[in-house]
């Protein structure tokens, strides 16, 4: 599967793939992240149910603490 993530092409991702599966594949922390899929925010409660499709455009934002 091919996706665009933060403006970059990601080719040959495993299928089928959910948002949660993508987070795990990329090694990202589930709790400090926000994801937009095709210009719509994906609710954290649906990460494991939201299936990704060929050509989806994702924006992933990481929250970093500190001060």
C-alpha atoms as a PDB file:
ATOM      1  CA  UNK A   1       0.000   0.000   0.000  1.00  0.00           C
ATOM      2  CA  UNK A   2       1.215   3.516  -0.787  1.00  0.00           C
ATOM      3  CA  UNK A   3       0.400   6.449   1.503  1.00  0.00           C
ATOM      4  CA  UNK A   4       1.474  10.083   1.747  1.00  0.00           C
ATOM      5  CA  UNK A   5       2.554  10.868   5.305  1.00  0.00           C
ATOM      6  CA  UNK A   6       3.484  14.441   6.208  1.00  0.00           C
ATOM      7  CA  UNK A   7       4.040  15.215   2.542  1.00  0.00           C
ATOM      8  CA  UNK A   8       6.302  12.226   1.841  1.00  0.00           C
ATOM      9  CA  UNK A   9       5.458   9.087  -0.113  1.00  0.00           C
ATOM     10  CA  UNK A  10       5.606   5.863   1.885  1.00  0.00           C
ATOM     11  CA  UNK A  11       5.632   2.963  -0.530  1.00  0.00           C
ATOM     12  CA  UNK A  12       5.050  -0.740  -0.004  1.00  0.00           C
ATOM     13  CA  UNK A  13       3.413  -0.554   3.428  1.00  0.00           C
ATOM     14  CA  UNK A  14       1.825  -3.814   4.613  1.00  0.00           C
ATOM     15  CA  UNK A  15      -1.852  -4.489   3.894  1.00  0.00           C
ATOM     16  CA  UNK A  16      -4.390  -4.449   5.411  1.00  0.00           C
ATOM     17  CA  UNK A  17      -3.398  -1.518   7.605  1.00  0.00           C
ATOM     18  CA  UNK A  18      -5.261   0.432  10.270  1.00  0.00           C
ATOM     19  CA  UNK A  19      -4.165   3.719  11.820  1.00  0.00           C
ATOM     20  CA  UNK A  20      -3.030   1.754  14.907  1.00  0.00           C
ATOM     21  CA  UNK A  21      -1.068  -0.633  12.700  1.00  0.00           C
ATOM     22  CA  UNK A  22       0.630   2.297  10.958  1.00  0.00           C
ATOM     23  CA  UNK A  23       1.566   3.852  14.306  1.00  0.00           C
ATOM     24  CA  UNK A  24       3.143   0.555  15.379  1.00  0.00           C
ATOM     25  CA  UNK A  25       4.870   0.100  12.000  1.00  0.00           C
ATOM     26  CA  UNK A  26       6.411   3.574  12.260  1.00  0.00           C
ATOM     27  CA  UNK A  27       7.347   3.081  15.935  1.00  0.00           C
ATOM     28  CA  UNK A  28       5.407   6.125  17.114  1.00  0.00           C
ATOM     29  CA  UNK A  29       3.981   6.641  20.614  1.00  0.00           C
ATOM     30  CA  UNK A  30       0.219   6.131  20.530  1.00  0.00           C
ATOM     31  CA  UNK A  31      -0.582   8.484  23.408  1.00  0.00           C
ATOM     32  CA  UNK A  32       1.208  11.646  22.252  1.00  0.00           C
ATOM     33  CA  UNK A  33       0.015  11.804  18.675  1.00  0.00           C
ATOM     34  CA  UNK A  34      -2.730  13.320  16.526  1.00  0.00           C
ATOM     35  CA  UNK A  35      -3.569  12.065  13.046  1.00  0.00           C
ATOM     36  CA  UNK A  36      -5.427  13.667  10.177  1.00  0.00           C
ATOM     37  CA  UNK A  37      -6.553  11.387   7.335  1.00  0.00           C
ATOM     38  CA  UNK A  38      -7.641  13.045   4.097  1.00  0.00           C
ATOM     39  CA  UNK A  39      -8.214  16.345   5.943  1.00  0.00           C
ATOM     40  CA  UNK A  40     -10.300  14.792   8.746  1.00  0.00           C
ATOM     41  CA  UNK A  41      -9.088  14.213  12.307  1.00  0.00           C
ATOM     42  CA  UNK A  42      -9.051  10.550  13.322  1.00  0.00           C
ATOM     43  CA  UNK A  43     -10.357  10.050  16.853  1.00  0.00           C
ATOM     44  CA  UNK A  44      -7.963   8.108  19.088  1.00  0.00           C
ATOM     45  CA  UNK A  45     -10.825   5.820  20.049  1.00  0.00           C
ATOM     46  CA  UNK A  46     -11.036   4.667  16.412  1.00  0.00           C
ATOM     47  CA  UNK A  47      -7.302   4.188  15.666  1.00  0.00           C
ATOM     48  CA  UNK A  48      -7.687   0.398  15.778  1.00  0.00           C
ATOM     49  CA  UNK A  49     -10.834   0.428  13.591  1.00  0.00           C
ATOM     50  CA  UNK A  50      -9.901   3.019  10.966  1.00  0.00           C
ATOM     51  CA  UNK A  51      -8.677   1.188   7.873  1.00  0.00           C
ATOM     52  CA  UNK A  52      -6.273   2.974   5.584  1.00  0.00           C
ATOM     53  CA  UNK A  53      -6.656   2.842   1.815  1.00  0.00           C
ATOM     54  CA  UNK A  54      -4.294   3.196  -1.120  1.00  0.00           C
ATOM     55  CA  UNK A  55      -3.397   6.867  -1.660  1.00  0.00           C
ATOM     56  CA  UNK A  56      -4.626   8.172   1.709  1.00  0.00           C
ATOM     57  CA  UNK A  57      -2.975  11.422   2.757  1.00  0.00           C
ATOM     58  CA  UNK A  58      -2.014  11.559   6.423  1.00  0.00           C
ATOM     59  CA  UNK A  59      -0.636  14.272   8.652  1.00  0.00           C
ATOM     60  CA  UNK A  60       0.875  13.019  11.900  1.00  0.00           C
ATOM     61  CA  UNK A  61       1.620  15.421  14.717  1.00  0.00           C
ATOM     62  CA  UNK A  62       3.736  14.467  17.747  1.00  0.00           C
ATOM     63  CA  UNK A  63       3.263  16.237  21.061  1.00  0.00           C
ATOM     64  CA  UNK A  64       6.481  16.846  22.945  1.00  0.00           C
ATOM     65  CA  UNK A  65       6.567  17.898  26.577  1.00  0.00           C
ATOM     66  CA  UNK A  66       9.171  20.077  28.186  1.00  0.00           C
ATOM     67  CA  UNK A  67       9.805  23.625  29.005  1.00  0.00           C
END
